[in-house]
């Protein structure tokens, strides 16, 4: 299992790689909302801080820990270019006739 934050970081890396891989392509795609659906195991640790952790359950995993429950969650992510309100392009910068 991986933590939710790690899964989102990996998704961010994949989207960044898609942007870089197609920089010189003629056809470009604006990245819209990203729908992410995953099954999570919610687990409270037995330590003094009583921290709650969200673990992404591996596809097809059937075993569950005794002190965790699973939930299906859909996240809607709205990617933006850092420092602006622009949506990123998964194939590089936009051109004048693209919009």
PDB file of N, CA and C in Angstrom:
ATOM      1  N   UNK A   1       0.839  -1.187   0.000  1.00  0.00           N
ATOM      2  CA  UNK A   1       0.000   0.000   0.000  1.00  0.00           C
ATOM      3  C   UNK A   1       0.883   1.250   0.000  1.00  0.00           C
ATOM      4  N   UNK A   2       0.389   2.313  -0.622  1.00  0.00           N
ATOM      5  CA  UNK A   2       1.087   3.587  -0.598  1.00  0.00           C
ATOM      6  C   UNK A   2       0.166   4.636   0.008  1.00  0.00           C
ATOM      7  N   UNK A   3       0.745   5.717   0.503  1.00  0.00           N
ATOM      8  CA  UNK A   3      -0.060   6.778   1.079  1.00  0.00           C
ATOM      9  C   UNK A   3      -0.662   7.631  -0.028  1.00  0.00           C
ATOM     10  N   UNK A   4      -1.784   8.261   0.282  1.00  0.00           N
ATOM     11  CA  UNK A   4      -2.490   9.112  -0.666  1.00  0.00           C
ATOM     12  C   UNK A   4      -1.578  10.198  -1.235  1.00  0.00           C
ATOM     13  N   UNK A   5      -0.800  10.848  -0.399  1.00  0.00           N
ATOM     14  CA  UNK A   5       0.096  11.912  -0.857  1.00  0.00           C
ATOM     15  C   UNK A   5       1.107  11.393  -1.874  1.00  0.00           C
ATOM     16  N   UNK A   6       1.607  10.196  -1.669  1.00  0.00           N
ATOM     17  CA  UNK A   6       2.565   9.605  -2.599  1.00  0.00           C
ATOM     18  C   UNK A   6       1.899   9.297  -3.940  1.00  0.00           C
ATOM     19  N   UNK A   7       0.649   8.817  -3.906  1.00  0.00           N
ATOM     20  CA  UNK A   7      -0.072   8.520  -5.134  1.00  0.00           C
ATOM     21  C   UNK A   7      -0.288   9.794  -5.948  1.00  0.00           C
ATOM     22  N   UNK A   8      -0.669  10.888  -5.294  1.00  0.00           N
ATOM     23  CA  UNK A   8      -0.882  12.153  -5.991  1.00  0.00           C
ATOM     24  C   UNK A   8       0.436  12.689  -6.539  1.00  0.00           C
ATOM     25  N   UNK A   9       1.529  12.530  -5.791  1.00  0.00           N
ATOM     26  CA  UNK A   9       2.843  12.963  -6.269  1.00  0.00           C
ATOM     27  C   UNK A   9       3.248  12.176  -7.513  1.00  0.00           C
ATOM     28  N   UNK A  10       2.960  10.884  -7.547  1.00  0.00           N
ATOM     29  CA  UNK A  10       3.279  10.077  -8.719  1.00  0.00           C
ATOM     30  C   UNK A  10       2.431  10.501  -9.918  1.00  0.00           C
ATOM     31  N   UNK A  11       1.153  10.818  -9.680  1.00  0.00           N
ATOM     32  CA  UNK A  11       0.286  11.306 -10.747  1.00  0.00           C
ATOM     33  C   UNK A  11       0.819  12.626 -11.293  1.00  0.00           C
ATOM     34  N   UNK A  12       1.234  13.529 -10.415  1.00  0.00           N
ATOM     35  CA  UNK A  12       1.804  14.813 -10.837  1.00  0.00           C
ATOM     36  C   UNK A  12       3.032  14.581 -11.722  1.00  0.00           C
ATOM     37  N   UNK A  13       3.875  13.631 -11.338  1.00  0.00           N
ATOM     38  CA  UNK A  13       5.063  13.309 -12.129  1.00  0.00           C
ATOM     39  C   UNK A  13       4.716  12.767 -13.507  1.00  0.00           C
ATOM     40  N   UNK A  14       3.690  11.928 -13.583  1.00  0.00           N
ATOM     41  CA  UNK A  14       3.253  11.379 -14.869  1.00  0.00           C
ATOM     42  C   UNK A  14       2.713  12.482 -15.778  1.00  0.00           C
ATOM     43  N   UNK A  15       1.942  13.409 -15.218  1.00  0.00           N
ATOM     44  CA  UNK A  15       1.407  14.508 -16.016  1.00  0.00           C
ATOM     45  C   UNK A  15       2.526  15.436 -16.495  1.00  0.00           C
ATOM     46  N   UNK A  16       3.509  15.681 -15.631  1.00  0.00           N
ATOM     47  CA  UNK A  16       4.663  16.506 -16.020  1.00  0.00           C
ATOM     48  C   UNK A  16       5.445  15.832 -17.144  1.00  0.00           C
ATOM     49  N   UNK A  17       5.595  14.513 -17.068  1.00  0.00           N
ATOM     50  CA  UNK A  17       6.298  13.776 -18.122  1.00  0.00           C
ATOM     51  C   UNK A  17       5.535  13.862 -19.440  1.00  0.00           C
ATOM     52  N   UNK A  18       4.205  13.816 -19.393  1.00  0.00           N
ATOM     53  CA  UNK A  18       3.392  13.942 -20.608  1.00  0.00           C
ATOM     54  C   UNK A  18       3.563  15.320 -21.226  1.00  0.00           C
ATOM     55  N   UNK A  19       3.654  16.360 -20.392  1.00  0.00           N
ATOM     56  CA  UNK A  19       3.865  17.716 -20.903  1.00  0.00           C
ATOM     57  C   UNK A  19       5.213  17.822 -21.612  1.00  0.00           C
ATOM     58  N   UNK A  20       6.244  17.264 -21.007  1.00  0.00           N
ATOM     59  CA  UNK A  20       7.595  17.334 -21.556  1.00  0.00           C
ATOM     60  C   UNK A  20       7.737  16.488 -22.819  1.00  0.00           C
ATOM     61  N   UNK A  21       7.134  15.311 -22.825  1.00  0.00           N
ATOM     62  CA  UNK A  21       7.306  14.371 -23.937  1.00  0.00           C
ATOM     63  C   UNK A  21       6.741  14.886 -25.249  1.00  0.00           C
ATOM     64  N   UNK A  22       5.756  15.769 -25.197  1.00  0.00           N
ATOM     65  CA  UNK A  22       5.100  16.199 -26.429  1.00  0.00           C
ATOM     66  C   UNK A  22       5.309  17.679 -26.736  1.00  0.00           C
ATOM     67  N   UNK A  23       6.378  18.281 -26.221  1.00  0.00           N
ATOM     68  CA  UNK A  23       6.602  19.714 -26.418  1.00  0.00           C
ATOM     69  C   UNK A  23       6.627  20.135 -27.880  1.00  0.00           C
ATOM     70  N   UNK A  24       7.167  19.317 -28.770  1.00  0.00           N
ATOM     71  CA  UNK A  24       7.292  19.689 -30.175  1.00  0.00           C
ATOM     72  C   UNK A  24       6.165  19.138 -31.051  1.00  0.00           C
ATOM     73  N   UNK A  25       5.140  18.596 -30.434  1.00  0.00           N
ATOM     74  CA  UNK A  25       4.033  18.024 -31.199  1.00  0.00           C
ATOM     75  C   UNK A  25       3.128  19.122 -31.765  1.00  0.00           C
ATOM     76  N   UNK A  26       2.561  18.872 -32.921  1.00  0.00           N
ATOM     77  CA  UNK A  26       1.651  19.824 -33.560  1.00  0.00           C
ATOM     78  C   UNK A  26       0.307  19.867 -32.838  1.00  0.00           C
ATOM     79  N   UNK A  27      -0.212  18.721 -32.465  1.00  0.00           N
ATOM     80  CA  UNK A  27      -1.503  18.637 -31.786  1.00  0.00           C
ATOM     81  C   UNK A  27      -1.286  18.704 -30.281  1.00  0.00           C
ATOM     82  N   UNK A  28      -2.011  19.600 -29.615  1.00  0.00           N
ATOM     83  CA  UNK A  28      -1.845  19.786 -28.168  1.00  0.00           C
ATOM     84  C   UNK A  28      -3.170  19.596 -27.465  1.00  0.00           C
ATOM     85  N   UNK A  29      -3.116  19.207 -26.198  1.00  0.00           N
ATOM     86  CA  UNK A  29      -4.315  19.003 -25.393  1.00  0.00           C
ATOM     87  C   UNK A  29      -4.218  19.816 -24.114  1.00  0.00           C
ATOM     88  N   UNK A  30      -5.257  20.593 -23.845  1.00  0.00           N
ATOM     89  CA  UNK A  30      -5.312  21.309 -22.573  1.00  0.00           C
ATOM     90  C   UNK A  30      -5.762  20.319 -21.504  1.00  0.00           C
ATOM     91  N   UNK A  31      -5.099  20.330 -20.383  1.00  0.00           N
ATOM     92  CA  UNK A  31      -5.431  19.406 -19.307  1.00  0.00           C
ATOM     93  C   UNK A  31      -6.601  19.963 -18.512  1.00  0.00           C
ATOM     94  N   UNK A  32      -7.706  19.261 -18.511  1.00  0.00           N
ATOM     95  CA  UNK A  32      -8.888  19.664 -17.749  1.00  0.00           C
ATOM     96  C   UNK A  32      -8.892  18.986 -16.396  1.00  0.00           C
ATOM     97  N   UNK A  33     -10.063  18.848 -15.818  1.00  0.00           N
ATOM     98  CA  UNK A  33     -10.202  18.213 -14.507  1.00  0.00           C
ATOM     99  C   UNK A  33      -9.706  16.766 -14.569  1.00  0.00           C
ATOM    100  N   UNK A  34      -9.049  16.349 -13.525  1.00  0.00           N
ATOM    101  CA  UNK A  34      -8.546  14.978 -13.417  1.00  0.00           C
ATOM    102  C   UNK A  34      -9.392  14.260 -12.373  1.00  0.00           C
ATOM    103  N   UNK A  35     -10.081  13.214 -12.778  1.00  0.00           N
ATOM    104  CA  UNK A  35     -10.872  12.418 -11.861  1.00  0.00           C
ATOM    105  C   UNK A  35     -10.042  11.214 -11.436  1.00  0.00           C
ATOM    106  N   UNK A  36      -9.873  11.066 -10.161  1.00  0.00           N
ATOM    107  CA  UNK A  36      -9.041  10.000  -9.614  1.00  0.00           C
ATOM    108  C   UNK A  36      -9.887   9.187  -8.650  1.00  0.00           C
ATOM    109  N   UNK A  37     -10.047   7.905  -8.942  1.00  0.00           N
ATOM    110  CA  UNK A  37     -10.833   7.041  -8.067  1.00  0.00           C
ATOM    111  C   UNK A  37      -9.924   5.965  -7.497  1.00  0.00           C
ATOM    112  N   UNK A  38      -9.999   5.771  -6.200  1.00  0.00           N
ATOM    113  CA  UNK A  38      -9.143   4.776  -5.554  1.00  0.00           C
ATOM    114  C   UNK A  38      -9.866   4.197  -4.349  1.00  0.00           C
ATOM    115  N   UNK A  39      -9.406   3.057  -3.935  1.00  0.00           N
ATOM    116  CA  UNK A  39      -9.924   2.434  -2.720  1.00  0.00           C
ATOM    117  C   UNK A  39      -8.890   2.645  -1.628  1.00  0.00           C
ATOM    118  N   UNK A  40      -9.327   3.147  -0.491  1.00  0.00           N
ATOM    119  CA  UNK A  40      -8.437   3.502   0.596  1.00  0.00           C
ATOM    120  C   UNK A  40      -8.699   2.658   1.823  1.00  0.00           C
ATOM    121  N   UNK A  41      -7.629   2.374   2.542  1.00  0.00           N
ATOM    122  CA  UNK A  41      -7.743   1.792   3.877  1.00  0.00           C
ATOM    123  C   UNK A  41      -7.481   2.934   4.851  1.00  0.00           C
ATOM    124  N   UNK A  42      -8.442   3.192   5.703  1.00  0.00           N
ATOM    125  CA  UNK A  42      -8.298   4.248   6.701  1.00  0.00           C
ATOM    126  C   UNK A  42      -7.852   3.577   7.986  1.00  0.00           C
ATOM    127  N   UNK A  43      -6.743   4.041   8.525  1.00  0.00           N
ATOM    128  CA  UNK A  43      -6.152   3.379   9.684  1.00  0.00           C
ATOM    129  C   UNK A  43      -5.736   4.411  10.720  1.00  0.00           C
ATOM    130  N   UNK A  44      -6.123   4.174  11.945  1.00  0.00           N
ATOM    131  CA  UNK A  44      -5.701   5.035  13.050  1.00  0.00           C
ATOM    132  C   UNK A  44      -4.564   4.325  13.773  1.00  0.00           C
ATOM    133  N   UNK A  45      -3.454   5.039  13.933  1.00  0.00           N
ATOM    134  CA  UNK A  45      -2.308   4.437  14.615  1.00  0.00           C
ATOM    135  C   UNK A  45      -2.541   4.424  16.116  1.00  0.00           C
ATOM    136  N   UNK A  46      -1.913   3.492  16.774  1.00  0.00           N
ATOM    137  CA  UNK A  46      -2.070   3.349  18.212  1.00  0.00           C
ATOM    138  C   UNK A  46      -1.100   4.188  19.014  1.00  0.00           C
ATOM    139  N   UNK A  47      -0.423   5.125  18.380  1.00  0.00           N
ATOM    140  CA  UNK A  47       0.551   5.954  19.084  1.00  0.00           C
ATOM    141  C   UNK A  47      -0.137   7.081  19.836  1.00  0.00           C
ATOM    142  N   UNK A  48       0.638   7.837  20.587  1.00  0.00           N
ATOM    143  CA  UNK A  48       0.091   8.915  21.415  1.00  0.00           C
ATOM    144  C   UNK A  48      -0.597   9.989  20.587  1.00  0.00           C
ATOM    145  N   UNK A  49      -0.097  10.249  19.360  1.00  0.00           N
ATOM    146  CA  UNK A  49      -0.731  11.306  18.554  1.00  0.00           C
ATOM    147  C   UNK A  49      -2.020  10.844  17.883  1.00  0.00           C
ATOM    148  N   UNK A  50      -2.279   9.538  17.855  1.00  0.00           N
ATOM    149  CA  UNK A  50      -3.520   9.003  17.296  1.00  0.00           C
ATOM    150  C   UNK A  50      -3.737   9.393  15.848  1.00  0.00           C
ATOM    151  N   UNK A  51      -2.697   9.451  15.086  1.00  0.00           N
ATOM    152  CA  UNK A  51      -2.748   9.893  13.697  1.00  0.00           C
ATOM    153  C   UNK A  51      -3.603   8.963  12.840  1.00  0.00           C
ATOM    154  N   UNK A  52      -4.371   9.565  11.906  1.00  0.00           N
ATOM    155  CA  UNK A  52      -5.149   8.802  10.945  1.00  0.00           C
ATOM    156  C   UNK A  52      -4.412   8.855   9.618  1.00  0.00           C
ATOM    157  N   UNK A  53      -4.257   7.683   8.977  1.00  0.00           N
ATOM    158  CA  UNK A  53      -3.532   7.615   7.708  1.00  0.00           C
ATOM    159  C   UNK A  53      -4.450   7.029   6.645  1.00  0.00           C
ATOM    160  N   UNK A  54      -4.260   7.508   5.407  1.00  0.00           N
ATOM    161  CA  UNK A  54      -5.024   7.023   4.271  1.00  0.00           C
ATOM    162  C   UNK A  54      -4.080   6.267   3.346  1.00  0.00           C
ATOM    163  N   UNK A  55      -4.295   4.966   3.220  1.00  0.00           N
ATOM    164  CA  UNK A  55      -3.454   4.123   2.390  1.00  0.00           C
ATOM    165  C   UNK A  55      -4.239   3.717   1.153  1.00  0.00           C
ATOM    166  N   UNK A  56      -3.606   3.818  -0.027  1.00  0.00           N
ATOM    167  CA  UNK A  56      -4.238   3.374  -1.252  1.00  0.00           C
ATOM    168  C   UNK A  56      -4.097   1.860  -1.314  1.00  0.00           C
ATOM    169  N   UNK A  57      -5.215   1.177  -1.511  1.00  0.00           N
ATOM    170  CA  UNK A  57      -5.220  -0.283  -1.551  1.00  0.00           C
ATOM    171  C   UNK A  57      -4.871  -0.726  -2.963  1.00  0.00           C
ATOM    172  N   UNK A  58      -3.969  -1.682  -3.073  1.00  0.00           N
ATOM    173  CA  UNK A  58      -3.550  -2.201  -4.374  1.00  0.00           C
ATOM    174  C   UNK A  58      -4.732  -2.871  -5.061  1.00  0.00           C
ATOM    175  N   UNK A  59      -4.828  -2.691  -6.371  1.00  0.00           N
ATOM    176  CA  UNK A  59      -5.915  -3.289  -7.143  1.00  0.00           C
ATOM    177  C   UNK A  59      -5.926  -4.797  -6.940  1.00  0.00           C
ATOM    178  N   UNK A  60      -7.081  -5.340  -6.646  1.00  0.00           N
ATOM    179  CA  UNK A  60      -7.217  -6.772  -6.463  1.00  0.00           C
ATOM    180  C   UNK A  60      -6.822  -7.275  -5.081  1.00  0.00           C
ATOM    181  N   UNK A  61      -6.395  -6.390  -4.211  1.00  0.00           N
ATOM    182  CA  UNK A  61      -5.996  -6.823  -2.864  1.00  0.00           C
ATOM    183  C   UNK A  61      -7.240  -7.191  -2.071  1.00  0.00           C
ATOM    184  N   UNK A  62      -7.208  -8.332  -1.424  1.00  0.00           N
ATOM    185  CA  UNK A  62      -8.382  -8.764  -0.670  1.00  0.00           C
ATOM    186  C   UNK A  62      -8.136  -8.779   0.830  1.00  0.00           C
ATOM    187  N   UNK A  63      -6.880  -8.812   1.222  1.00  0.00           N
ATOM    188  CA  UNK A  63      -6.577  -8.861   2.650  1.00  0.00           C
ATOM    189  C   UNK A  63      -6.737  -7.475   3.266  1.00  0.00           C
ATOM    190  N   UNK A  64      -7.333  -7.418   4.449  1.00  0.00           N
ATOM    191  CA  UNK A  64      -7.475  -6.169   5.174  1.00  0.00           C
ATOM    192  C   UNK A  64      -6.896  -6.358   6.560  1.00  0.00           C
ATOM    193  N   UNK A  65      -6.324  -5.283   7.086  1.00  0.00           N
ATOM    194  CA  UNK A  65      -5.819  -5.348   8.448  1.00  0.00           C
ATOM    195  C   UNK A  65      -7.000  -5.258   9.402  1.00  0.00           C
ATOM    196  N   UNK A  66      -6.869  -5.858  10.552  1.00  0.00           N
ATOM    197  CA  UNK A  66      -7.958  -5.904  11.521  1.00  0.00           C
ATOM    198  C   UNK A  66      -8.380  -4.527  11.999  1.00  0.00           C
ATOM    199  N   UNK A  67      -7.450  -3.564  12.031  1.00  0.00           N
ATOM    200  CA  UNK A  67      -7.774  -2.245  12.575  1.00  0.00           C
ATOM    201  C   UNK A  67      -7.944  -1.190  11.477  1.00  0.00           C
ATOM    202  N   UNK A  68      -8.332  -1.600  10.271  1.00  0.00           N
ATOM    203  CA  UNK A  68      -8.573  -0.632   9.207  1.00  0.00           C
ATOM    204  C   UNK A  68      -9.849  -0.988   8.458  1.00  0.00           C
ATOM    205  N   UNK A  69     -10.449  -0.006   7.829  1.00  0.00           N
ATOM    206  CA  UNK A  69     -11.614  -0.221   6.985  1.00  0.00           C
ATOM    207  C   UNK A  69     -11.323   0.373   5.621  1.00  0.00           C
ATOM    208  N   UNK A  70     -11.975  -0.141   4.586  1.00  0.00           N
ATOM    209  CA  UNK A  70     -11.716   0.384   3.249  1.00  0.00           C
ATOM    210  C   UNK A  70     -12.897   1.225   2.776  1.00  0.00           C
ATOM    211  N   UNK A  71     -12.582   2.239   1.969  1.00  0.00           N
ATOM    212  CA  UNK A  71     -13.565   3.154   1.414  1.00  0.00           C
ATOM    213  C   UNK A  71     -13.169   3.464  -0.019  1.00  0.00           C
ATOM    214  N   UNK A  72     -14.139   3.620  -0.891  1.00  0.00           N
ATOM    215  CA  UNK A  72     -13.866   4.057  -2.271  1.00  0.00           C
ATOM    216  C   UNK A  72     -14.098   5.562  -2.314  1.00  0.00           C
ATOM    217  N   UNK A  73     -13.111   6.278  -2.833  1.00  0.00           N
ATOM    218  CA  UNK A  73     -13.144   7.733  -2.858  1.00  0.00           C
ATOM    219  C   UNK A  73     -12.829   8.217  -4.271  1.00  0.00           C
ATOM    220  N   UNK A  74     -13.550   9.240  -4.720  1.00  0.00           N
ATOM    221  CA  UNK A  74     -13.242   9.889  -5.988  1.00  0.00           C
ATOM    222  C   UNK A  74     -12.778  11.304  -5.688  1.00  0.00           C
ATOM    223  N   UNK A  75     -11.598  11.650  -6.191  1.00  0.00           N
ATOM    224  CA  UNK A  75     -11.053  12.989  -6.029  1.00  0.00           C
ATOM    225  C   UNK A  75     -11.128  13.707  -7.364  1.00  0.00           C
ATOM    226  N   UNK A  76     -11.526  14.962  -7.348  1.00  0.00           N
ATOM    227  CA  UNK A  76     -11.523  15.780  -8.547  1.00  0.00           C
ATOM    228  C   UNK A  76     -10.425  16.815  -8.372  1.00  0.00           C
ATOM    229  N   UNK A  77      -9.391  16.731  -9.212  1.00  0.00           N
ATOM    230  CA  UNK A  77      -8.243  17.621  -9.132  1.00  0.00           C
ATOM    231  C   UNK A  77      -8.301  18.605 -10.290  1.00  0.00           C
ATOM    232  N   UNK A  78      -8.080  19.875 -10.028  1.00  0.00           N
ATOM    233  CA  UNK A  78      -8.078  20.918 -11.050  1.00  0.00           C
ATOM    234  C   UNK A  78      -6.650  21.437 -11.212  1.00  0.00           C
ATOM    235  N   UNK A  79      -5.860  20.860 -12.120  1.00  0.00           N
ATOM    236  CA  UNK A  79      -4.460  21.268 -12.290  1.00  0.00           C
ATOM    237  C   UNK A  79      -4.344  22.718 -12.766  1.00  0.00           C
ATOM    238  N   UNK A  80      -3.378  23.435 -12.228  1.00  0.00           N
ATOM    239  CA  UNK A  80      -3.074  24.810 -12.633  1.00  0.00           C
ATOM    240  C   UNK A  80      -1.569  24.976 -12.710  1.00  0.00           C
ATOM    241  N   UNK A  81      -1.130  25.876 -13.585  1.00  0.00           N
ATOM    242  CA  UNK A  81       0.287  26.210 -13.689  1.00  0.00           C
ATOM    243  C   UNK A  81       0.659  27.029 -12.456  1.00  0.00           C
ATOM    244  N   UNK A  82       1.781  26.698 -11.823  1.00  0.00           N
ATOM    245  CA  UNK A  82       2.202  27.381 -10.598  1.00  0.00           C
ATOM    246  C   UNK A  82       2.271  28.895 -10.813  1.00  0.00           C
ATOM    247  N   UNK A  83       1.704  29.645  -9.878  1.00  0.00           N
ATOM    248  CA  UNK A  83       1.760  31.094  -9.922  1.00  0.00           C
ATOM    249  C   UNK A  83       0.745  31.741 -10.853  1.00  0.00           C
ATOM    250  N   UNK A  84      -0.183  30.947 -11.418  1.00  0.00           N
ATOM    251  CA  UNK A  84      -1.192  31.523 -12.306  1.00  0.00           C
ATOM    252  C   UNK A  84      -2.487  30.729 -12.179  1.00  0.00           C
ATOM    253  N   UNK A  85      -3.490  31.165 -12.918  1.00  0.00           N
ATOM    254  CA  UNK A  85      -4.764  30.454 -12.940  1.00  0.00           C
ATOM    255  C   UNK A  85      -4.924  29.674 -14.246  1.00  0.00           C
ATOM    256  N   UNK A  86      -3.819  29.510 -14.993  1.00  0.00           N
ATOM    257  CA  UNK A  86      -3.855  28.821 -16.281  1.00  0.00           C
ATOM    258  C   UNK A  86      -3.895  27.312 -16.105  1.00  0.00           C
ATOM    259  N   UNK A  87      -4.652  26.669 -16.997  1.00  0.00           N
ATOM    260  CA  UNK A  87      -4.610  25.211 -17.065  1.00  0.00           C
ATOM    261  C   UNK A  87      -3.384  24.818 -17.877  1.00  0.00           C
ATOM    262  N   UNK A  88      -2.685  23.771 -17.463  1.00  0.00           N
ATOM    263  CA  UNK A  88      -1.498  23.352 -18.211  1.00  0.00           C
ATOM    264  C   UNK A  88      -1.879  22.626 -19.506  1.00  0.00           C
ATOM    265  N   UNK A  89      -0.948  22.580 -20.434  1.00  0.00           N
ATOM    266  CA  UNK A  89      -1.098  21.808 -21.657  1.00  0.00           C
ATOM    267  C   UNK A  89      -0.222  20.580 -21.523  1.00  0.00           C
ATOM    268  N   UNK A  90      -0.766  19.419 -21.841  1.00  0.00           N
ATOM    269  CA  UNK A  90       0.012  18.190 -21.711  1.00  0.00           C
ATOM    270  C   UNK A  90       0.914  17.988 -22.920  1.00  0.00           C
ATOM    271  N   UNK A  91       0.991  18.999 -23.751  1.00  0.00           N
ATOM    272  CA  UNK A  91       1.877  18.900 -24.909  1.00  0.00           C
ATOM    273  C   UNK A  91       2.671  20.181 -25.120  1.00  0.00           C
ATOM    274  N   UNK A  92       2.916  20.935 -24.078  1.00  0.00           N
ATOM    275  CA  UNK A  92       3.724  22.144 -24.198  1.00  0.00           C
ATOM    276  C   UNK A  92       2.877  23.401 -24.116  1.00  0.00           C
ATOM    277  N   UNK A  93       3.487  24.538 -24.492  1.00  0.00           N
ATOM    278  CA  UNK A  93       2.802  25.821 -24.415  1.00  0.00           C
ATOM    279  C   UNK A  93       1.736  25.943 -25.503  1.00  0.00           C
ATOM    280  N   UNK A  94       0.740  26.777 -25.247  1.00  0.00           N
ATOM    281  CA  UNK A  94      -0.309  27.006 -26.241  1.00  0.00           C
ATOM    282  C   UNK A  94       0.220  27.926 -27.334  1.00  0.00           C
ATOM    283  N   UNK A  95      -0.424  27.868 -28.480  1.00  0.00           N
ATOM    284  CA  UNK A  95      -0.100  28.770 -29.579  1.00  0.00           C
ATOM    285  C   UNK A  95      -1.265  29.722 -29.784  1.00  0.00           C
ATOM    286  N   UNK A  96      -1.081  30.751 -30.594  1.00  0.00           N
ATOM    287  CA  UNK A  96      -2.090  31.794 -30.781  1.00  0.00           C
ATOM    288  C   UNK A  96      -3.418  31.253 -31.285  1.00  0.00           C
ATOM    289  N   UNK A  97      -3.416  30.251 -32.167  1.00  0.00           N
ATOM    290  CA  UNK A  97      -4.657  29.736 -32.743  1.00  0.00           C
ATOM    291  C   UNK A  97      -5.215  28.531 -32.009  1.00  0.00           C
ATOM    292  N   UNK A  98      -4.649  28.182 -30.877  1.00  0.00           N
ATOM    293  CA  UNK A  98      -5.051  26.958 -30.193  1.00  0.00           C
ATOM    294  C   UNK A  98      -6.369  27.085 -29.448  1.00  0.00           C
ATOM    295  N   UNK A  99      -6.748  28.246 -29.029  1.00  0.00           N
ATOM    296  CA  UNK A  99      -7.964  28.394 -28.226  1.00  0.00           C
ATOM    297  C   UNK A  99      -9.111  28.876 -29.037  1.00  0.00           C
TER     298      UNK A  99
END
